[in-house]
Amino acid sequence: MAAGRFGGDAVRARFGVSQLIFASAALAFIGMVAALLLPNVVVTLAGFTLMGLGLANMMPVLFAAAARVKGLSPAEGLVQVAGLAYFGLLFGPVPIGGVAQLSMLPIRLSWLRPAQR
């Protein structure tokens, strides 16, 4: 995470925020798809690593944007974004897990992985 964030500053300085967000989201998506669809432990770990690198720069960019919202002081913008982030961290996994169970995601993904013996 630290390596992704430190590297993200150089990418943001060179290419800009919008390209950093787009590239980060694409990297996270590719990593998640690889981790879910390719039945190999090494590929799965590499996929989750790519996903982590892709997501590493999202919060710093959001915090920087929150500090520049017109009509709010930087502190107010940061408090609102941090509050929403904590809300999502605390209450997001429950509905995501519920949707995964209702959509039978674990069962649907199980055919992709060979049986463990």
N, C-alpha and C. Protein backbone atom coordinates (compact mmCIF):
# COMPACT_ATOMS: atom_id res chain seq x y z
N MET A 1 0.84 -1.19 0.00
CA MET A 1 0.00 0.00 0.00
C MET A 1 0.88 1.25 0.00
N ALA A 2 1.91 1.24 0.83
CA ALA A 2 2.79 2.41 0.89
C ALA A 2 3.51 2.62 -0.44
N ALA A 3 3.98 1.53 -1.03
CA ALA A 3 4.67 1.66 -2.32
C ALA A 3 3.74 2.23 -3.38
N GLY A 4 2.49 1.77 -3.38
CA GLY A 4 1.51 2.29 -4.34
C GLY A 4 1.23 3.76 -4.13
N ARG A 5 1.12 4.15 -2.88
CA ARG A 5 0.83 5.57 -2.60
C ARG A 5 2.01 6.47 -2.91
N PHE A 6 3.21 6.03 -2.55
CA PHE A 6 4.38 6.85 -2.86
C PHE A 6 4.59 6.94 -4.37
N GLY A 7 4.41 5.84 -5.08
CA GLY A 7 4.53 5.85 -6.53
C GLY A 7 3.42 6.65 -7.19
N GLY A 8 2.24 6.64 -6.56
CA GLY A 8 1.10 7.37 -7.11
C GLY A 8 1.32 8.87 -7.14
N ASP A 9 2.08 9.39 -6.19
CA ASP A 9 2.37 10.83 -6.20
C ASP A 9 3.14 11.23 -7.45
N ALA A 10 4.09 10.41 -7.84
CA ALA A 10 4.87 10.71 -9.05
C ALA A 10 3.99 10.60 -10.30
N VAL A 11 3.12 9.60 -10.32
CA VAL A 11 2.22 9.43 -11.47
C VAL A 11 1.24 10.59 -11.54
N ARG A 12 0.70 11.00 -10.38
CA ARG A 12 -0.24 12.12 -10.35
C ARG A 12 0.44 13.41 -10.81
N ALA A 13 1.67 13.62 -10.38
CA ALA A 13 2.40 14.83 -10.79
C ALA A 13 2.68 14.83 -12.29
N ARG A 14 2.94 13.67 -12.85
CA ARG A 14 3.30 13.61 -14.27
C ARG A 14 2.09 13.59 -15.20
N PHE A 15 1.05 12.81 -14.86
CA PHE A 15 -0.07 12.60 -15.78
C PHE A 15 -1.37 13.29 -15.36
N GLY A 16 -1.50 13.65 -14.11
CA GLY A 16 -2.72 14.30 -13.65
C GLY A 16 -3.64 13.34 -12.90
N VAL A 17 -4.58 13.93 -12.19
CA VAL A 17 -5.47 13.17 -11.32
C VAL A 17 -6.39 12.26 -12.12
N SER A 18 -6.99 12.76 -13.19
CA SER A 18 -7.97 11.95 -13.90
C SER A 18 -7.33 10.71 -14.52
N GLN A 19 -6.15 10.84 -15.07
CA GLN A 19 -5.48 9.67 -15.64
C GLN A 19 -5.02 8.70 -14.55
N LEU A 20 -4.62 9.23 -13.41
CA LEU A 20 -4.24 8.37 -12.29
C LEU A 20 -5.43 7.55 -11.81
N ILE A 21 -6.59 8.19 -11.66
CA ILE A 21 -7.78 7.49 -11.20
C ILE A 21 -8.20 6.43 -12.23
N PHE A 22 -8.19 6.78 -13.50
CA PHE A 22 -8.57 5.83 -14.54
C PHE A 22 -7.63 4.63 -14.55
N ALA A 23 -6.33 4.88 -14.54
CA ALA A 23 -5.35 3.79 -14.56
C ALA A 23 -5.43 2.95 -13.29
N SER A 24 -5.64 3.60 -12.14
CA SER A 24 -5.76 2.86 -10.89
C SER A 24 -6.99 1.97 -10.89
N ALA A 25 -8.11 2.50 -11.36
CA ALA A 25 -9.33 1.69 -11.42
C ALA A 25 -9.16 0.51 -12.37
N ALA A 26 -8.52 0.75 -13.51
CA ALA A 26 -8.29 -0.34 -14.47
C ALA A 26 -7.38 -1.40 -13.88
N LEU A 27 -6.33 -0.99 -13.18
CA LEU A 27 -5.42 -1.93 -12.55
C LEU A 27 -6.13 -2.75 -11.47
N ALA A 28 -6.95 -2.09 -10.67
CA ALA A 28 -7.70 -2.80 -9.64
C ALA A 28 -8.69 -3.79 -10.26
N PHE A 29 -9.35 -3.40 -11.34
CA PHE A 29 -10.29 -4.28 -12.02
C PHE A 29 -9.59 -5.50 -12.60
N ILE A 30 -8.48 -5.28 -13.28
CA ILE A 30 -7.73 -6.39 -13.87
C ILE A 30 -7.25 -7.35 -12.78
N GLY A 31 -6.75 -6.79 -11.69
CA GLY A 31 -6.30 -7.64 -10.58
C GLY A 31 -7.42 -8.45 -9.97
N MET A 32 -8.59 -7.83 -9.79
CA MET A 32 -9.72 -8.54 -9.20
C MET A 32 -10.22 -9.64 -10.13
N VAL A 33 -10.31 -9.35 -11.41
CA VAL A 33 -10.76 -10.36 -12.37
C VAL A 33 -9.78 -11.53 -12.42
N ALA A 34 -8.49 -11.23 -12.42
CA ALA A 34 -7.48 -12.29 -12.45
C ALA A 34 -7.57 -13.15 -11.18
N ALA A 35 -7.74 -12.50 -10.03
CA ALA A 35 -7.81 -13.25 -8.77
C ALA A 35 -9.04 -14.14 -8.72
N LEU A 36 -10.13 -13.69 -9.31
CA LEU A 36 -11.37 -14.47 -9.25
C LEU A 36 -11.44 -15.56 -10.31
N LEU A 37 -10.89 -15.31 -11.48
CA LEU A 37 -11.13 -16.22 -12.59
C LEU A 37 -10.00 -17.20 -12.89
N LEU A 38 -8.79 -16.91 -12.49
CA LEU A 38 -7.67 -17.79 -12.83
C LEU A 38 -7.33 -18.68 -11.65
N PRO A 39 -7.51 -19.99 -11.80
CA PRO A 39 -7.37 -20.93 -10.68
C PRO A 39 -5.92 -21.31 -10.37
N ASN A 40 -5.15 -20.36 -9.94
CA ASN A 40 -3.76 -20.61 -9.59
C ASN A 40 -3.43 -19.73 -8.40
N VAL A 41 -2.80 -20.29 -7.38
CA VAL A 41 -2.53 -19.54 -6.15
C VAL A 41 -1.63 -18.34 -6.42
N VAL A 42 -0.60 -18.53 -7.20
CA VAL A 42 0.34 -17.44 -7.49
C VAL A 42 -0.37 -16.32 -8.27
N VAL A 43 -1.17 -16.70 -9.25
CA VAL A 43 -1.90 -15.71 -10.04
C VAL A 43 -2.93 -14.98 -9.16
N THR A 44 -3.57 -15.72 -8.26
CA THR A 44 -4.53 -15.11 -7.36
C THR A 44 -3.85 -14.07 -6.47
N LEU A 45 -2.71 -14.43 -5.89
CA LEU A 45 -1.97 -13.48 -5.05
C LEU A 45 -1.50 -12.27 -5.86
N ALA A 46 -1.03 -12.52 -7.07
CA ALA A 46 -0.62 -11.41 -7.93
C ALA A 46 -1.81 -10.52 -8.28
N GLY A 47 -2.97 -11.14 -8.51
CA GLY A 47 -4.17 -10.36 -8.82
C GLY A 47 -4.58 -9.48 -7.66
N PHE A 48 -4.55 -10.03 -6.44
CA PHE A 48 -4.89 -9.20 -5.28
C PHE A 48 -3.85 -8.12 -5.03
N THR A 49 -2.60 -8.40 -5.37
CA THR A 49 -1.56 -7.36 -5.26
C THR A 49 -1.83 -6.23 -6.24
N LEU A 50 -2.18 -6.57 -7.47
CA LEU A 50 -2.53 -5.54 -8.46
C LEU A 50 -3.75 -4.74 -8.01
N MET A 51 -4.74 -5.43 -7.45
CA MET A 51 -5.93 -4.74 -6.97
C MET A 51 -5.54 -3.75 -5.86
N GLY A 52 -4.69 -4.18 -4.94
CA GLY A 52 -4.24 -3.28 -3.88
C GLY A 52 -3.48 -2.08 -4.40
N LEU A 53 -2.61 -2.32 -5.39
CA LEU A 53 -1.87 -1.20 -5.99
C LEU A 53 -2.82 -0.23 -6.69
N GLY A 54 -3.83 -0.77 -7.34
CA GLY A 54 -4.79 0.08 -8.02
C GLY A 54 -5.62 0.92 -7.05
N LEU A 55 -5.99 0.32 -5.92
CA LEU A 55 -6.82 1.04 -4.96
C LEU A 55 -6.02 1.94 -4.02
N ALA A 56 -4.71 1.79 -4.00
CA ALA A 56 -3.87 2.52 -3.05
C ALA A 56 -4.01 4.04 -3.17
N ASN A 57 -4.24 4.54 -4.36
CA ASN A 57 -4.25 6.00 -4.55
C ASN A 57 -5.62 6.63 -4.48
N MET A 58 -6.65 5.84 -4.28
CA MET A 58 -7.99 6.42 -4.28
C MET A 58 -8.22 7.37 -3.10
N MET A 59 -7.88 6.95 -1.90
CA MET A 59 -8.14 7.82 -0.73
C MET A 59 -7.29 9.09 -0.74
N PRO A 60 -5.99 9.02 -1.04
CA PRO A 60 -5.24 10.28 -1.08
C PRO A 60 -5.81 11.27 -2.10
N VAL A 61 -6.26 10.78 -3.24
CA VAL A 61 -6.84 11.67 -4.25
C VAL A 61 -8.16 12.25 -3.75
N LEU A 62 -8.98 11.40 -3.11
CA LEU A 62 -10.24 11.90 -2.57
C LEU A 62 -10.02 12.92 -1.46
N PHE A 63 -9.06 12.67 -0.60
CA PHE A 63 -8.77 13.64 0.47
C PHE A 63 -8.29 14.97 -0.11
N ALA A 64 -7.44 14.91 -1.12
CA ALA A 64 -6.96 16.15 -1.76
C ALA A 64 -8.11 16.90 -2.41
N ALA A 65 -9.01 16.16 -3.06
CA ALA A 65 -10.17 16.81 -3.69
C ALA A 65 -11.11 17.39 -2.64
N ALA A 66 -11.28 16.69 -1.54
CA ALA A 66 -12.17 17.17 -0.47
C ALA A 66 -11.66 18.46 0.15
N ALA A 67 -10.36 18.63 0.19
CA ALA A 67 -9.79 19.85 0.76
C ALA A 67 -9.97 21.06 -0.16
N ARG A 68 -10.36 20.83 -1.41
CA ARG A 68 -10.53 21.92 -2.37
C ARG A 68 -11.98 22.20 -2.74
N VAL A 69 -12.94 21.63 -2.03
CA VAL A 69 -14.36 21.83 -2.36
C VAL A 69 -14.73 23.28 -2.06
N LYS A 70 -15.34 23.94 -3.05
CA LYS A 70 -15.74 25.34 -2.87
C LYS A 70 -16.89 25.42 -1.89
N GLY A 71 -16.85 26.40 -1.03
CA GLY A 71 -17.90 26.60 -0.04
C GLY A 71 -17.64 25.88 1.27
N LEU A 72 -16.61 25.06 1.33
CA LEU A 72 -16.25 24.36 2.56
C LEU A 72 -14.79 24.65 2.89
N SER A 73 -14.52 24.70 4.17
CA SER A 73 -13.11 24.81 4.55
C SER A 73 -12.46 23.45 4.29
N PRO A 74 -11.14 23.43 4.11
CA PRO A 74 -10.47 22.14 3.89
C PRO A 74 -10.76 21.13 5.01
N ALA A 75 -10.84 21.60 6.24
CA ALA A 75 -11.11 20.69 7.36
C ALA A 75 -12.50 20.09 7.25
N GLU A 76 -13.49 20.89 6.87
CA GLU A 76 -14.85 20.37 6.73
C GLU A 76 -14.94 19.33 5.61
N GLY A 77 -14.29 19.60 4.50
CA GLY A 77 -14.29 18.65 3.40
C GLY A 77 -13.64 17.33 3.78
N LEU A 78 -12.50 17.42 4.48
CA LEU A 78 -11.82 16.21 4.92
C LEU A 78 -12.65 15.41 5.91
N VAL A 79 -13.33 16.12 6.83
CA VAL A 79 -14.17 15.43 7.81
C VAL A 79 -15.31 14.69 7.12
N GLN A 80 -15.91 15.31 6.13
CA GLN A 80 -17.03 14.66 5.44
C GLN A 80 -16.56 13.42 4.66
N VAL A 81 -15.45 13.52 3.96
CA VAL A 81 -14.95 12.37 3.21
C VAL A 81 -14.49 11.26 4.16
N ALA A 82 -13.80 11.63 5.22
CA ALA A 82 -13.34 10.62 6.18
C ALA A 82 -14.53 9.95 6.86
N GLY A 83 -15.56 10.71 7.18
CA GLY A 83 -16.76 10.13 7.78
C GLY A 83 -17.45 9.15 6.86
N LEU A 84 -17.58 9.51 5.59
CA LEU A 84 -18.17 8.58 4.62
C LEU A 84 -17.31 7.34 4.43
N ALA A 85 -16.01 7.51 4.46
CA ALA A 85 -15.11 6.36 4.31
C ALA A 85 -15.27 5.40 5.48
N TYR A 86 -15.32 5.94 6.69
CA TYR A 86 -15.51 5.07 7.85
C TYR A 86 -16.89 4.42 7.84
N PHE A 87 -17.89 5.14 7.42
CA PHE A 87 -19.24 4.57 7.31
C PHE A 87 -19.22 3.38 6.34
N GLY A 88 -18.59 3.57 5.19
CA GLY A 88 -18.49 2.49 4.22
C GLY A 88 -17.68 1.32 4.74
N LEU A 89 -16.62 1.61 5.48
CA LEU A 89 -15.78 0.56 6.04
C LEU A 89 -16.55 -0.28 7.06
N LEU A 90 -17.38 0.37 7.85
CA LEU A 90 -18.12 -0.33 8.90
C LEU A 90 -19.37 -1.03 8.38
N PHE A 91 -20.10 -0.39 7.47
CA PHE A 91 -21.40 -0.90 7.07
C PHE A 91 -21.44 -1.44 5.63
N GLY A 92 -20.37 -1.32 4.88
CA GLY A 92 -20.36 -1.82 3.51
C GLY A 92 -20.29 -3.33 3.38
N PRO A 93 -19.48 -4.02 4.18
CA PRO A 93 -19.34 -5.47 3.99
C PRO A 93 -20.63 -6.25 4.19
N VAL A 94 -21.52 -5.79 5.06
CA VAL A 94 -22.75 -6.55 5.32
C VAL A 94 -23.63 -6.63 4.08
N PRO A 95 -23.99 -5.52 3.43
CA PRO A 95 -24.81 -5.67 2.22
C PRO A 95 -24.07 -6.34 1.06
N ILE A 96 -22.77 -6.12 0.97
CA ILE A 96 -22.00 -6.78 -0.09
C ILE A 96 -22.03 -8.29 0.11
N GLY A 97 -21.83 -8.74 1.34
CA GLY A 97 -21.91 -10.17 1.64
C GLY A 97 -23.30 -10.73 1.40
N GLY A 98 -24.32 -9.93 1.75
CA GLY A 98 -25.69 -10.38 1.51
C GLY A 98 -25.99 -10.54 0.03
N VAL A 99 -25.56 -9.60 -0.77
CA VAL A 99 -25.77 -9.70 -2.22
C VAL A 99 -25.00 -10.90 -2.78
N ALA A 100 -23.78 -11.11 -2.28
CA ALA A 100 -22.99 -12.26 -2.76
C ALA A 100 -23.70 -13.57 -2.43
N GLN A 101 -24.27 -13.68 -1.24
CA GLN A 101 -24.97 -14.90 -0.87
C GLN A 101 -26.26 -15.07 -1.68
N LEU A 102 -27.02 -13.98 -1.83
CA LEU A 102 -28.28 -14.07 -2.57
C LEU A 102 -28.05 -14.40 -4.04
N SER A 103 -26.96 -13.90 -4.58
CA SER A 103 -26.66 -14.17 -5.99
C SER A 103 -25.89 -15.47 -6.16
N MET A 104 -25.67 -16.18 -5.06
CA MET A 104 -24.94 -17.46 -5.07
C MET A 104 -23.54 -17.30 -5.68
N LEU A 105 -22.90 -16.18 -5.41
CA LEU A 105 -21.56 -15.93 -5.95
C LEU A 105 -20.55 -17.02 -5.57
N PRO A 106 -20.50 -17.46 -4.31
CA PRO A 106 -19.53 -18.51 -3.99
C PRO A 106 -19.76 -19.79 -4.79
N ILE A 107 -21.02 -20.14 -5.01
CA ILE A 107 -21.32 -21.35 -5.78
C ILE A 107 -20.95 -21.15 -7.24
N ARG A 108 -21.25 -20.00 -7.77
CA ARG A 108 -20.93 -19.73 -9.18
C ARG A 108 -19.44 -19.67 -9.43
N LEU A 109 -18.67 -19.20 -8.45
CA LEU A 109 -17.22 -19.16 -8.62
C LEU A 109 -16.57 -20.50 -8.34
N SER A 110 -17.26 -21.39 -7.64
CA SER A 110 -16.63 -22.66 -7.26
C SER A 110 -16.30 -23.52 -8.48
N TRP A 111 -17.05 -23.40 -9.57
CA TRP A 111 -16.73 -24.21 -10.76
C TRP A 111 -15.43 -23.76 -11.42
N LEU A 112 -14.98 -22.55 -11.09
CA LEU A 112 -13.75 -22.07 -11.70
C LEU A 112 -12.51 -22.68 -11.05
N ARG A 113 -12.65 -23.09 -9.81
CA ARG A 113 -11.50 -23.60 -9.07
C ARG A 113 -11.53 -25.13 -9.04
N PRO A 114 -10.39 -25.76 -9.24
CA PRO A 114 -10.37 -27.22 -9.12
C PRO A 114 -10.56 -27.63 -7.66
N ALA A 115 -11.10 -28.79 -7.44
CA ALA A 115 -11.35 -29.28 -6.09
C ALA A 115 -10.01 -29.45 -5.36
N GLN A 116 -9.97 -29.00 -4.12
CA GLN A 116 -8.77 -29.13 -3.29
C GLN A 116 -8.78 -30.51 -2.63
N ARG A 117 -7.70 -31.21 -2.67
CA ARG A 117 -7.62 -32.54 -2.03
C ARG A 117 -6.62 -32.54 -0.94
